[in-house]
Amino acid sequence: MDNSSLQTVPETGIIGLKKYWQQDLISGFLVFLIALPLSLGIAMASGLPPMAGILSAIVGGMFVSRVNGSFVTIAGPAAGLIVVILDAVQTMGGNDPIAGYRYTLAAIVVAGLLQILLGFFKAGSLSAFFPTSVVHGMLAAIGIIIITKQVHVMLGVTPEPGSLFSSMAQIPHSIVDMNAEIAFIGILGLLIMILWNKLQQPLLKKIPAPIIVVLLGIGLGMYFDLEHMHIYHVPHQLDMLTGHLLHEGQVGPNYLVAISDHFFSSFYFPDFSKIAELEFWVAVISICLVGSLESLLTTIAVDKLDPYKRHSNLDKDIMGIGAGNTFSGLIGGSAMISEVVRSSANINNGAKTGWANFFHGAIMLLFVVLFPGIIHSIPLSALAALLVYTGFKLASPAEFNKVLKVGTEQFFMFIVTIVGVLATDLLIGVAIGIIVKLIVHIVRGVWWSNLFKVHFQIIEDDAEHITMKLNGSALFANFLPMKKALDNLPRGKKVTLDLTNAYLIDHTVMEYMHDFIHDYESDGGQCQQIGNAILTFSDHDLAARIMTADDRK
């Protein structure tokens, strides 16, 4: 980055607020339009009341934006946490979803405290330990689970209770038995989400597709009179179709979102009485692990989109997300992460500083306090359509094809992780993926002494030239010290990555080195990679590489 571009980097803090408040306010408002329906839908899909998602978005915007280490990322509830939150509610609550909700709030609070500790002990770089193919497999599995759960809601049908595979098997029955009016709203919303980005009209493309889906859903809901389609009187329980809490004596529609007209009555407080039980700590670790990993990956990805090429403080960012989770869980809000879709929209809408995130949360707060009636009018099928689309983006054929292009061994570990997550749970599935990848490396001949220990040297040839020599293998399981050494190299030098004596480099490390070269050169330095006696496992530029027996002679 040259000096002229460095001078244009926006200031932060109060100075940034004074200088860029108009751009950040506009972007914050547009992000709010995307975040409102998604926050409601994600909360209900997670087995929580709708306001849990709203509270998380408010805390993520107004609080986390002031304490995190990133610049234009948006914090709030995200689809990637649906699976772990829903599992926590169901596992700890059993037949009492309200109790499960309050136990899960306690798990969110403790998970947030763990994230603060992770950031304090500089664990932000630990995301590099998770193989890329396993992470993509985890996200694809989450997408499949979201689709399986939400397609029934989109069609207006309540499936029979059972396992995930049982829900999958019931999809054809839900299609046959769909509620025509509800399904019309849901399917139309899904088509809008799919086709909106293909519009050629620039003005229309600026309007977020989710808000179009919601507004159209509200209009159709009034036309079909969904408010009076199903009226019921229920005891103190959680409605399984809507996912929101219903109190004894409450009467309401089961095809529309239900929140309290009084904002402060939406607060629920955590119950820590299960803190000594294993299932509580499984929930804590799941929320902490998935939330931290997704947040770190999102922040890294958003930094690449930032037109000012600013680098977030990953450790501080995890501490900020952790503080936000602790705050959110204490008042009844869902867990949060740094979310990629809203963050990308934030950048595209011209955000300059973290105040855009603040404004998105502040506008959310004002809206739910002043206009709760509008939220009451949103059909659940419209929100389910947004989530089905989100799930499809995570598990689309394009994602499968992208991994396959990197190499068949990456695709194998990708599929193993997906099957592992679907057949067991998220933590076990990810562990299975990591173990399988280690076994693959051992079969390829990685030395046991090199499996978790990387051998490299940093050599300063002269004042301007630095060489990093790699000996042996560089794998997801061992390259963290090398990564830290490269990240700490002085900027503006001529760096050579010498791979001549490397016999195996996996895809995760190849991807890191590609990004390192790009970032180092964007900061004004020069970087080259040498050592071509390495056979790739596919034609992909970032495929894993291995030295053949002939090359080792």
Protein backbone atom coordinates (compact mmCIF):
# COMPACT_ATOMS: atom_id res chain seq x y z
CA MET A 1 0.00 0.00 0.00
CA ASP A 2 1.48 3.33 -0.97
CA ASN A 3 1.66 6.40 1.24
CA SER A 4 -1.15 8.19 -0.56
CA SER A 5 -3.58 5.36 0.18
CA LEU A 6 -2.42 5.19 3.79
CA GLN A 7 -3.42 8.84 4.26
CA THR A 8 -6.99 8.04 3.23
CA VAL A 9 -7.53 5.38 5.91
CA PRO A 10 -10.54 6.55 7.97
CA GLU A 11 -9.97 7.58 11.56
CA THR A 12 -11.77 5.64 14.27
CA GLY A 13 -13.35 6.65 17.57
CA ILE A 14 -15.06 10.00 18.06
CA ILE A 15 -13.02 11.59 15.28
CA GLY A 16 -14.28 8.95 12.86
CA LEU A 17 -17.84 9.45 14.09
CA LYS A 18 -17.70 13.19 13.46
CA LYS A 19 -16.14 12.80 10.03
CA TYR A 20 -18.01 9.79 8.61
CA TRP A 21 -21.30 9.64 10.51
CA GLN A 22 -23.41 10.17 7.39
CA GLN A 23 -21.86 7.30 5.41
CA ASP A 24 -21.89 5.01 8.46
CA LEU A 25 -25.50 5.90 9.32
CA ILE A 26 -26.71 5.11 5.80
CA SER A 27 -24.82 1.80 5.77
CA GLY A 28 -26.02 0.95 9.28
CA PHE A 29 -29.63 1.51 8.21
CA LEU A 30 -29.28 -0.71 5.14
CA VAL A 31 -27.59 -3.42 7.22
CA PHE A 32 -30.46 -3.15 9.73
CA LEU A 33 -32.91 -3.95 6.90
CA ILE A 34 -31.00 -7.19 6.28
CA ALA A 35 -30.37 -7.99 9.95
CA LEU A 36 -33.93 -7.57 11.24
CA PRO A 37 -35.55 -10.52 9.44
CA LEU A 38 -32.46 -12.70 9.72
CA SER A 39 -32.14 -12.08 13.47
CA LEU A 40 -35.78 -13.06 14.00
CA GLY A 41 -35.51 -16.15 11.82
CA ILE A 42 -32.20 -17.35 13.26
CA ALA A 43 -33.48 -17.05 16.82
CA MET A 44 -36.63 -19.05 16.12
CA ALA A 45 -34.72 -21.68 14.14
CA SER A 46 -32.46 -21.99 17.20
CA GLY A 47 -35.42 -22.79 19.46
CA LEU A 48 -35.35 -19.35 21.08
CA PRO A 49 -37.97 -16.59 21.17
CA PRO A 50 -37.69 -14.09 18.29
CA MET A 51 -36.55 -11.29 20.58
CA ALA A 52 -33.45 -13.31 21.51
CA GLY A 53 -32.12 -12.63 18.01
CA ILE A 54 -33.06 -8.96 18.18
CA LEU A 55 -31.33 -8.52 21.55
CA SER A 56 -28.21 -10.22 20.19
CA ALA A 57 -28.15 -7.87 17.18
CA ILE A 58 -28.61 -4.81 19.41
CA VAL A 59 -25.79 -5.85 21.74
CA GLY A 60 -23.61 -6.83 18.78
CA GLY A 61 -24.10 -3.43 17.23
CA MET A 62 -24.17 -0.97 20.10
CA PHE A 63 -21.75 -2.71 22.48
CA VAL A 64 -19.43 -5.00 20.53
CA SER A 65 -18.69 -2.30 17.94
CA ARG A 66 -17.11 -0.22 20.72
CA VAL A 67 -14.84 -2.93 22.14
CA ASN A 68 -13.88 -5.28 19.29
CA GLY A 69 -10.72 -5.25 17.19
CA SER A 70 -12.19 -5.00 13.69
CA PHE A 71 -13.34 -2.08 11.58
CA VAL A 72 -16.33 -2.87 9.38
CA THR A 73 -17.52 -6.30 10.52
CA ILE A 74 -21.09 -6.65 11.77
CA ALA A 75 -21.70 -8.72 14.91
CA GLY A 76 -24.97 -10.50 15.57
CA PRO A 77 -26.79 -13.84 15.47
CA ALA A 78 -25.78 -16.04 12.54
CA ALA A 79 -26.94 -19.20 10.81
CA GLY A 80 -23.76 -21.03 11.76
CA LEU A 81 -24.81 -21.07 15.42
CA ILE A 82 -28.34 -22.37 14.85
CA VAL A 83 -27.34 -26.01 15.19
CA VAL A 84 -25.37 -25.68 18.44
CA ILE A 85 -27.95 -23.40 20.11
CA LEU A 86 -30.91 -25.60 19.14
CA ASP A 87 -29.07 -28.69 20.35
CA ALA A 88 -28.31 -26.98 23.67
CA VAL A 89 -31.95 -25.97 24.18
CA GLN A 90 -33.25 -29.45 23.39
CA THR A 91 -30.57 -31.39 25.27
CA MET A 92 -30.65 -29.37 28.48
CA GLY A 93 -34.35 -28.53 28.43
CA GLY A 94 -35.79 -31.91 27.54
CA ASN A 95 -39.56 -31.43 27.47
CA ASP A 96 -39.31 -27.98 29.05
CA PRO A 97 -38.08 -25.60 26.31
CA ILE A 98 -38.33 -22.56 28.58
CA ALA A 99 -35.90 -24.18 31.00
CA GLY A 100 -33.73 -25.19 28.03
CA TYR A 101 -33.72 -21.57 26.87
CA ARG A 102 -32.57 -20.30 30.25
CA TYR A 103 -29.90 -23.03 30.60
CA THR A 104 -28.67 -22.12 27.12
CA LEU A 105 -28.44 -18.46 28.10
CA ALA A 106 -26.14 -19.54 30.94
CA ALA A 107 -24.03 -21.54 28.48
CA ILE A 108 -23.79 -18.47 26.21
CA VAL A 109 -22.59 -16.36 29.15
CA VAL A 110 -19.87 -18.88 30.10
CA ALA A 111 -18.88 -19.38 26.44
CA GLY A 112 -18.46 -15.61 26.18
CA LEU A 113 -16.18 -15.58 29.22
CA LEU A 114 -14.09 -18.35 27.64
CA GLN A 115 -13.81 -16.30 24.43
CA ILE A 116 -12.54 -13.35 26.47
CA LEU A 117 -9.87 -15.63 27.95
CA LEU A 118 -8.95 -16.94 24.49
CA GLY A 119 -8.40 -13.41 23.25
CA PHE A 120 -6.48 -12.44 26.38
CA PHE A 121 -4.08 -15.36 25.89
CA LYS A 122 -3.57 -14.46 22.20
CA ALA A 123 -5.40 -17.51 20.86
CA GLY A 124 -6.82 -15.72 17.83
CA SER A 125 -4.36 -17.45 15.52
CA LEU A 126 -5.53 -20.91 16.65
CA SER A 127 -8.13 -20.83 13.87
CA ALA A 128 -5.26 -21.90 11.62
CA PHE A 129 -5.26 -25.31 13.33
CA PHE A 130 -8.58 -26.25 11.72
CA PRO A 131 -8.11 -27.62 8.18
CA THR A 132 -9.86 -25.62 5.48
CA SER A 133 -11.67 -28.66 4.09
CA VAL A 134 -12.99 -29.56 7.56
CA VAL A 135 -14.23 -26.01 8.19
CA HIS A 136 -16.03 -25.96 4.83
CA GLY A 137 -17.49 -29.38 5.62
CA MET A 138 -18.76 -28.12 8.98
CA LEU A 139 -20.44 -25.12 7.34
CA ALA A 140 -21.97 -27.25 4.59
CA ALA A 141 -23.38 -29.65 7.20
CA ILE A 142 -24.86 -26.69 9.08
CA GLY A 143 -26.45 -25.55 5.82
CA ILE A 144 -28.01 -28.99 5.24
CA ILE A 145 -29.40 -29.04 8.78
CA ILE A 146 -30.89 -25.54 8.39
CA ILE A 147 -32.59 -26.51 5.12
CA THR A 148 -33.94 -29.73 6.64
CA LYS A 149 -35.43 -27.92 9.63
CA GLN A 150 -36.76 -24.81 7.90
CA VAL A 151 -38.28 -26.21 4.72
CA HIS A 152 -41.17 -27.58 6.81
CA VAL A 153 -41.81 -24.14 8.33
CA MET A 154 -41.62 -22.56 4.87
CA LEU A 155 -44.35 -24.95 3.69
CA GLY A 156 -46.52 -24.45 6.78
CA VAL A 157 -46.23 -28.05 8.02
CA THR A 158 -45.12 -29.39 11.39
CA PRO A 159 -43.12 -32.63 10.95
CA GLU A 160 -43.36 -35.54 13.34
CA PRO A 161 -40.73 -35.38 16.09
CA GLY A 162 -37.62 -37.40 15.37
CA SER A 163 -34.01 -37.34 14.29
CA LEU A 164 -32.46 -35.14 11.62
CA PHE A 165 -32.70 -37.98 9.10
CA SER A 166 -36.36 -38.42 10.03
CA SER A 167 -36.95 -34.73 9.25
CA MET A 168 -35.20 -35.22 5.90
CA ALA A 169 -37.40 -38.21 5.11
CA GLN A 170 -40.54 -36.19 5.88
CA ILE A 171 -39.76 -33.41 3.37
CA PRO A 172 -41.70 -35.13 0.53
CA HIS A 173 -44.69 -35.52 2.88
CA SER A 174 -44.51 -31.81 3.77
CA ILE A 175 -44.47 -30.94 0.07
CA VAL A 176 -47.58 -33.06 -0.50
CA ASP A 177 -49.36 -31.77 2.64
CA MET A 178 -48.25 -28.14 2.36
CA ASN A 179 -50.52 -25.31 3.50
CA ALA A 180 -51.19 -23.56 0.19
CA GLU A 181 -51.23 -19.97 1.47
CA ILE A 182 -48.22 -20.39 3.75
CA ALA A 183 -46.23 -22.27 1.12
CA PHE A 184 -47.04 -19.60 -1.48
CA ILE A 185 -45.49 -16.92 0.77
CA GLY A 186 -42.45 -19.09 1.53
CA ILE A 187 -41.74 -20.30 -2.00
CA LEU A 188 -42.23 -16.82 -3.46
CA GLY A 189 -39.81 -15.44 -0.86
CA LEU A 190 -37.26 -18.11 -1.75
CA LEU A 191 -37.57 -17.28 -5.47
CA ILE A 192 -37.02 -13.60 -4.72
CA MET A 193 -33.85 -14.42 -2.76
CA ILE A 194 -32.56 -16.51 -5.65
CA LEU A 195 -33.43 -14.09 -8.46
CA TRP A 196 -32.86 -10.70 -6.84
CA ASN A 197 -29.11 -10.64 -7.43
CA LYS A 198 -29.70 -11.34 -11.11
CA LEU A 199 -31.55 -8.05 -11.57
CA GLN A 200 -29.92 -5.62 -13.98
CA GLN A 201 -31.65 -2.53 -12.60
CA PRO A 202 -29.03 -0.78 -10.38
CA LEU A 203 -31.58 1.02 -8.19
CA LEU A 204 -33.52 -2.14 -7.36
CA LYS A 205 -30.33 -4.07 -6.65
CA LYS A 206 -29.52 -1.59 -3.87
CA ILE A 207 -32.63 -2.68 -1.96
CA PRO A 208 -31.77 -5.69 0.26
CA ALA A 209 -33.62 -8.80 -0.92
CA PRO A 210 -34.55 -9.91 2.66
CA ILE A 211 -36.57 -6.76 3.25
CA ILE A 212 -38.44 -7.30 -0.02
CA VAL A 213 -39.27 -10.84 1.10
CA VAL A 214 -40.51 -9.56 4.47
CA LEU A 215 -42.58 -6.68 3.07
CA LEU A 216 -44.18 -8.90 0.45
CA GLY A 217 -44.79 -11.54 3.13
CA ILE A 218 -46.52 -8.99 5.36
CA GLY A 219 -48.77 -7.91 2.47
CA LEU A 220 -49.66 -11.49 1.55
CA GLY A 221 -50.18 -12.36 5.20
CA MET A 222 -52.77 -9.62 5.48
CA TYR A 223 -54.40 -10.72 2.22
CA PHE A 224 -54.65 -14.33 3.42
CA ASP A 225 -55.67 -13.15 6.91
CA LEU A 226 -53.02 -15.29 8.59
CA GLU A 227 -53.73 -13.63 11.93
CA HIS A 228 -57.02 -15.48 12.18
CA MET A 229 -56.06 -18.65 10.32
CA HIS A 230 -55.20 -20.51 13.54
CA ILE A 231 -56.07 -19.05 16.93
CA TYR A 232 -55.35 -21.12 19.98
CA HIS A 233 -55.11 -21.09 23.76
CA VAL A 234 -52.08 -22.89 25.18
CA PRO A 235 -50.37 -23.54 28.50
CA HIS A 236 -46.87 -22.34 29.39
CA GLN A 237 -44.74 -23.85 26.58
CA LEU A 238 -42.69 -23.24 23.45
CA ASP A 239 -44.62 -23.58 20.19
CA MET A 240 -42.70 -26.08 18.06
CA LEU A 241 -43.61 -24.48 14.73
CA THR A 242 -42.81 -20.87 15.56
CA GLY A 243 -40.12 -21.43 18.16
CA HIS A 244 -41.44 -18.62 20.38
CA LEU A 245 -42.44 -18.74 24.01
CA LEU A 246 -46.14 -18.82 24.78
CA HIS A 247 -47.41 -18.10 28.25
CA GLU A 248 -50.52 -19.50 29.88
CA GLY A 249 -53.56 -17.54 28.79
CA GLN A 250 -51.83 -16.10 25.70
CA VAL A 251 -53.76 -16.33 22.44
CA GLY A 252 -52.06 -15.70 19.11
CA PRO A 253 -51.45 -16.75 15.53
CA ASN A 254 -49.08 -19.63 14.87
CA TYR A 255 -48.05 -18.49 11.39
CA LEU A 256 -46.81 -15.01 12.36
CA VAL A 257 -43.93 -13.78 14.52
CA ALA A 258 -44.92 -13.08 18.11
CA ILE A 259 -43.00 -10.69 20.35
CA SER A 260 -44.00 -8.69 23.37
CA ASP A 261 -45.29 -5.15 22.83
CA HIS A 262 -43.20 -4.10 25.82
CA PHE A 263 -39.47 -4.27 25.12
CA PHE A 264 -38.25 -4.89 28.68
CA SER A 265 -40.67 -7.78 29.19
CA SER A 266 -38.70 -9.62 26.50
CA PHE A 267 -35.72 -9.99 28.83
CA TYR A 268 -35.03 -13.46 30.22
CA PHE A 269 -32.25 -14.33 32.62
CA PRO A 270 -29.89 -17.31 32.59
CA ASP A 271 -30.18 -20.33 34.86
CA PHE A 272 -26.77 -21.65 35.96
CA SER A 273 -28.09 -24.64 37.90
CA LYS A 274 -26.69 -27.13 35.33
CA ILE A 275 -23.18 -25.70 35.43
CA ALA A 276 -21.79 -28.87 37.05
CA GLU A 277 -23.25 -31.18 34.39
CA LEU A 278 -21.48 -32.51 31.28
CA GLU A 279 -24.22 -31.49 28.83
CA PHE A 280 -23.84 -27.87 29.97
CA TRP A 281 -20.12 -27.86 29.21
CA VAL A 282 -20.67 -29.58 25.86
CA ALA A 283 -22.95 -26.65 24.98
CA VAL A 284 -20.39 -24.13 26.26
CA ILE A 285 -17.51 -25.64 24.27
CA SER A 286 -19.67 -25.96 21.14
CA ILE A 287 -20.79 -22.33 21.27
CA CYS A 288 -17.29 -21.11 22.08
CA LEU A 289 -15.55 -23.21 19.42
CA VAL A 290 -17.96 -22.66 16.54
CA GLY A 291 -18.55 -19.00 17.39
CA SER A 292 -14.84 -18.22 17.72
CA LEU A 293 -13.86 -20.09 14.58
CA GLU A 294 -16.57 -18.53 12.44
CA SER A 295 -15.86 -15.05 13.81
CA LEU A 296 -12.13 -15.34 13.11
CA LEU A 297 -12.68 -16.65 9.59
CA THR A 298 -15.24 -13.92 8.90
CA THR A 299 -12.99 -11.15 10.21
CA ILE A 300 -10.09 -12.38 8.08
CA ALA A 301 -12.36 -12.56 5.01
CA VAL A 302 -13.84 -9.10 5.63
CA ASP A 303 -10.36 -7.60 6.01
CA LYS A 304 -9.68 -8.76 2.45
CA LEU A 305 -12.82 -6.93 1.26
CA ASP A 306 -11.97 -3.72 3.12
CA PRO A 307 -11.00 -1.14 0.47
CA TYR A 308 -8.56 0.41 2.97
CA LYS A 309 -6.81 -2.96 3.59
CA ARG A 310 -6.93 -2.53 7.36
CA HIS A 311 -5.90 -5.50 9.50
CA SER A 312 -8.11 -6.40 12.44
CA ASN A 313 -6.71 -7.37 15.82
CA LEU A 314 -8.02 -10.95 15.95
CA ASP A 315 -7.35 -11.44 19.65
CA LYS A 316 -9.15 -8.23 20.56
CA ASP A 317 -11.96 -9.14 18.19
CA ILE A 318 -12.55 -12.48 19.93
CA MET A 319 -12.54 -10.68 23.28
CA GLY A 320 -15.15 -8.26 21.92
CA ILE A 321 -17.37 -11.07 20.65
CA GLY A 322 -16.94 -12.85 23.98
CA ALA A 323 -17.95 -9.75 25.92
CA GLY A 324 -20.95 -9.37 23.62
CA ASN A 325 -22.02 -12.97 24.20
CA THR A 326 -21.73 -12.56 27.96
CA PHE A 327 -23.82 -9.37 27.88
CA SER A 328 -26.36 -10.86 25.44
CA GLY A 329 -26.79 -14.07 27.44
CA LEU A 330 -27.39 -12.15 30.66
CA ILE A 331 -30.45 -10.37 29.22
CA GLY A 332 -31.95 -13.17 27.12
CA GLY A 333 -30.14 -12.71 23.81
CA SER A 334 -28.78 -15.40 21.54
CA ALA A 335 -25.08 -15.99 20.87
CA MET A 336 -23.39 -13.87 18.21
CA ILE A 337 -20.48 -13.93 15.81
CA SER A 338 -18.94 -11.60 13.25
CA GLU A 339 -21.29 -12.28 10.34
CA VAL A 340 -20.04 -12.34 6.75
CA VAL A 341 -23.17 -11.46 4.71
CA ARG A 342 -24.04 -8.37 6.77
CA SER A 343 -20.36 -7.36 6.93
CA SER A 344 -20.04 -7.61 3.13
CA ALA A 345 -23.18 -5.53 2.71
CA ASN A 346 -21.76 -3.02 5.19
CA ILE A 347 -18.66 -2.55 3.03
CA ASN A 348 -20.66 -2.41 -0.20
CA ASN A 349 -22.91 0.27 1.29
CA GLY A 350 -19.93 2.54 1.97
CA ALA A 351 -19.26 2.03 5.68
CA LYS A 352 -16.05 3.64 6.88
CA THR A 353 -15.77 2.72 10.57
CA GLY A 354 -17.22 0.56 13.33
CA TRP A 355 -19.87 3.20 13.93
CA ALA A 356 -21.87 1.63 11.06
CA ASN A 357 -22.21 -1.47 13.24
CA PHE A 358 -23.25 0.76 16.16
CA PHE A 359 -25.91 2.49 14.06
CA HIS A 360 -27.30 -0.84 12.82
CA GLY A 361 -27.82 -1.92 16.45
CA ALA A 362 -29.23 1.45 17.54
CA ILE A 363 -31.75 1.51 14.68
CA MET A 364 -32.75 -2.06 15.55
CA LEU A 365 -33.42 -0.98 19.15
CA LEU A 366 -35.53 2.01 18.09
CA PHE A 367 -37.53 -0.08 15.64
CA VAL A 368 -38.52 -2.84 18.06
CA VAL A 369 -39.41 -0.31 20.76
CA LEU A 370 -41.48 1.92 18.47
CA PHE A 371 -42.93 -0.50 15.90
CA PRO A 372 -43.46 -3.95 17.44
CA GLY A 373 -46.73 -4.28 15.50
CA ILE A 374 -44.86 -4.50 12.22
CA ILE A 375 -42.82 -7.41 13.52
CA HIS A 376 -46.08 -9.13 14.61
CA SER A 377 -47.18 -9.06 10.96
CA ILE A 378 -44.18 -10.96 9.55
CA PRO A 379 -45.09 -14.49 8.36
CA LEU A 380 -42.84 -17.22 9.69
CA SER A 381 -42.72 -18.78 6.22
CA ALA A 382 -41.05 -15.62 4.87
CA LEU A 383 -38.33 -15.88 7.52
CA ALA A 384 -37.98 -19.61 6.86
CA ALA A 385 -37.43 -18.82 3.16
CA LEU A 386 -34.52 -16.55 4.12
CA LEU A 387 -32.99 -19.35 6.20
CA VAL A 388 -33.49 -22.01 3.52
CA TYR A 389 -31.67 -19.72 1.10
CA THR A 390 -28.91 -19.14 3.67
CA GLY A 391 -28.58 -22.88 4.21
CA PHE A 392 -28.39 -23.47 0.48
CA LYS A 393 -25.59 -20.91 0.15
CA LEU A 394 -23.61 -22.84 2.78
CA ALA A 395 -24.21 -26.22 1.15
CA SER A 396 -24.67 -25.35 -2.53
CA PRO A 397 -23.32 -27.58 -5.34
CA ALA A 398 -20.88 -24.74 -6.07
CA GLU A 399 -19.31 -25.24 -2.61
CA PHE A 400 -18.91 -28.97 -3.25
CA ASN A 401 -17.38 -28.28 -6.67
CA LYS A 402 -15.01 -25.67 -5.24
CA VAL A 403 -13.60 -28.15 -2.74
CA LEU A 404 -13.39 -30.90 -5.37
CA LYS A 405 -11.28 -28.66 -7.61
CA VAL A 406 -8.70 -28.32 -4.84
CA GLY A 407 -8.19 -32.09 -4.81
CA THR A 408 -9.93 -35.40 -4.25
CA GLU A 409 -8.32 -35.80 -0.82
CA GLN A 410 -9.75 -32.42 0.25
CA PHE A 411 -13.16 -33.46 -1.06
CA PHE A 412 -12.94 -36.74 0.85
CA MET A 413 -12.29 -34.94 4.16
CA PHE A 414 -15.02 -32.43 3.30
CA ILE A 415 -17.56 -35.26 2.83
CA VAL A 416 -16.34 -37.13 5.92
CA THR A 417 -16.89 -34.00 8.03
CA ILE A 418 -20.38 -33.45 6.61
CA VAL A 419 -21.41 -37.05 7.29
CA GLY A 420 -19.80 -36.93 10.74
CA VAL A 421 -21.70 -33.79 11.73
CA LEU A 422 -25.03 -35.06 10.37
CA ALA A 423 -24.66 -38.49 11.98
CA THR A 424 -23.39 -37.33 15.38
CA ASP A 425 -23.10 -33.68 16.33
CA LEU A 426 -21.02 -30.69 15.36
CA LEU A 427 -18.09 -31.15 17.74
CA ILE A 428 -17.71 -34.88 17.07
CA GLY A 429 -18.09 -34.35 13.32
CA VAL A 430 -15.31 -31.74 13.25
CA ALA A 431 -13.10 -34.00 15.39
CA ILE A 432 -13.69 -36.87 12.95
CA GLY A 433 -12.68 -34.64 10.04
CA ILE A 434 -9.45 -33.57 11.77
CA ILE A 435 -8.54 -37.15 12.74
CA VAL A 436 -9.14 -38.38 9.18
CA LYS A 437 -6.92 -35.61 7.80
CA LEU A 438 -4.11 -36.57 10.21
CA ILE A 439 -4.45 -40.22 9.13
CA VAL A 440 -4.23 -39.18 5.47
CA HIS A 441 -1.01 -37.26 6.19
CA ILE A 442 0.48 -40.26 8.02
CA VAL A 443 -0.39 -42.54 5.10
CA ARG A 444 1.38 -40.10 2.80
CA GLY A 445 4.54 -40.54 4.81
CA VAL A 446 4.67 -37.55 7.13
CA TRP A 447 7.24 -38.22 9.85
CA TRP A 448 5.75 -38.66 13.31
CA SER A 449 8.25 -36.10 14.61
CA ASN A 450 6.99 -33.68 11.95
CA LEU A 451 3.28 -34.21 12.43
CA PHE A 452 2.87 -31.56 15.14
CA LYS A 453 6.23 -29.81 14.83
CA VAL A 454 7.30 -27.70 11.88
CA HIS A 455 10.97 -27.27 10.94
CA PHE A 456 11.85 -23.93 9.40
CA GLN A 457 14.46 -21.16 9.52
CA ILE A 458 14.16 -17.41 9.12
CA ILE A 459 17.41 -16.10 7.60
CA GLU A 460 18.17 -12.40 7.19
CA ASP A 461 20.41 -12.47 4.10
CA ASP A 462 21.04 -8.73 4.41
CA ALA A 463 19.23 -5.57 5.45
CA GLU A 464 16.67 -5.92 2.65
CA HIS A 465 16.41 -9.67 2.02
CA ILE A 466 14.80 -12.29 4.27
CA THR A 467 14.50 -16.01 3.49
CA MET A 468 12.18 -18.53 5.15
CA LYS A 469 13.46 -22.09 4.57
CA LEU A 470 10.99 -24.91 5.19
CA ASN A 471 12.30 -28.43 5.92
CA GLY A 472 9.97 -31.41 5.94
CA SER A 473 6.21 -30.89 6.05
CA ALA A 474 3.96 -27.92 6.75
CA LEU A 475 0.49 -29.02 7.82
CA PHE A 476 -2.54 -27.53 9.50
CA ALA A 477 -1.43 -29.36 12.66
CA ASN A 478 2.09 -27.94 12.87
CA PHE A 479 2.48 -24.68 10.96
CA LEU A 480 1.26 -22.24 13.64
CA PRO A 481 4.83 -21.27 14.75
CA MET A 482 5.81 -20.68 11.12
CA LYS A 483 2.68 -18.59 10.60
CA LYS A 484 3.47 -16.44 13.62
CA ALA A 485 7.07 -15.95 12.44
CA LEU A 486 5.96 -14.87 8.97
CA ASP A 487 3.25 -12.59 10.32
CA ASN A 488 5.86 -10.85 12.49
CA LEU A 489 8.33 -10.19 9.66
CA PRO A 490 9.17 -6.51 9.16
CA ARG A 491 7.20 -4.94 6.34
CA GLY A 492 8.67 -3.59 3.12
CA LYS A 493 11.46 -6.18 2.68
CA LYS A 494 12.19 -8.72 -0.07
CA VAL A 495 11.02 -12.08 1.26
CA THR A 496 11.71 -15.50 -0.25
CA LEU A 497 9.68 -18.56 0.78
CA ASP A 498 12.10 -21.41 0.06
CA LEU A 499 10.22 -24.72 -0.23
CA THR A 500 13.06 -26.66 -1.87
CA ASN A 501 13.46 -29.03 1.10
CA ALA A 502 9.73 -29.38 1.81
CA TYR A 503 8.24 -32.80 1.08
CA LEU A 504 4.56 -32.12 1.86
CA ILE A 505 2.53 -28.91 2.17
CA ASP A 506 -1.21 -29.22 2.70
CA HIS A 507 -3.97 -27.04 1.28
CA THR A 508 -4.47 -25.07 4.51
CA VAL A 509 -0.81 -23.93 4.46
CA MET A 510 -0.85 -23.26 0.70
CA GLU A 511 -3.88 -21.04 1.18
CA TYR A 512 -2.16 -19.19 4.02
CA MET A 513 1.04 -18.62 1.99
CA HIS A 514 -0.99 -17.34 -0.96
CA ASP A 515 -2.71 -14.80 1.32
CA PHE A 516 0.60 -13.92 3.01
CA ILE A 517 2.26 -13.11 -0.33
CA HIS A 518 -0.70 -10.95 -1.37
CA ASP A 519 -0.87 -9.08 1.94
CA TYR A 520 2.90 -8.58 2.19
CA GLU A 521 3.10 -7.11 -1.31
CA SER A 522 0.07 -4.88 -0.66
CA ASP A 523 2.03 -3.44 2.29
CA GLY A 524 4.85 -2.41 -0.02
CA GLY A 525 7.13 -5.45 0.20
CA GLN A 526 8.18 -8.09 -2.31
CA CYS A 527 7.63 -11.82 -1.85
CA GLN A 528 8.45 -14.84 -3.97
CA GLN A 529 8.05 -18.59 -3.55
CA ILE A 530 10.71 -21.01 -4.79
CA GLY A 531 10.99 -24.80 -4.81
CA ASN A 532 9.13 -26.31 -7.73
CA ALA A 533 10.08 -29.96 -7.13
CA ILE A 534 6.70 -30.51 -5.51
CA LEU A 535 3.87 -32.44 -7.19
CA THR A 536 0.37 -31.00 -6.74
CA PHE A 537 -2.65 -33.22 -6.09
CA SER A 538 -4.76 -31.29 -8.60
CA ASP A 539 -4.50 -28.43 -11.06
CA HIS A 540 -5.71 -25.96 -8.44
CA ASP A 541 -3.16 -23.29 -7.53
CA LEU A 542 -3.61 -23.93 -3.81
CA ALA A 543 -3.79 -27.72 -3.91
CA ALA A 544 -1.75 -29.74 -1.43
CA ARG A 545 1.76 -30.58 -2.66
CA ILE A 546 4.08 -33.52 -2.11
CA MET A 547 7.64 -34.25 -3.21
CA THR A 548 7.90 -37.44 -5.24
CA ALA A 549 10.42 -40.17 -4.48
CA ASP A 550 12.45 -39.19 -7.55
CA ASP A 551 12.57 -35.56 -6.41
CA ARG A 552 13.95 -36.58 -3.00
CA LYS A 553 16.98 -38.31 -4.53
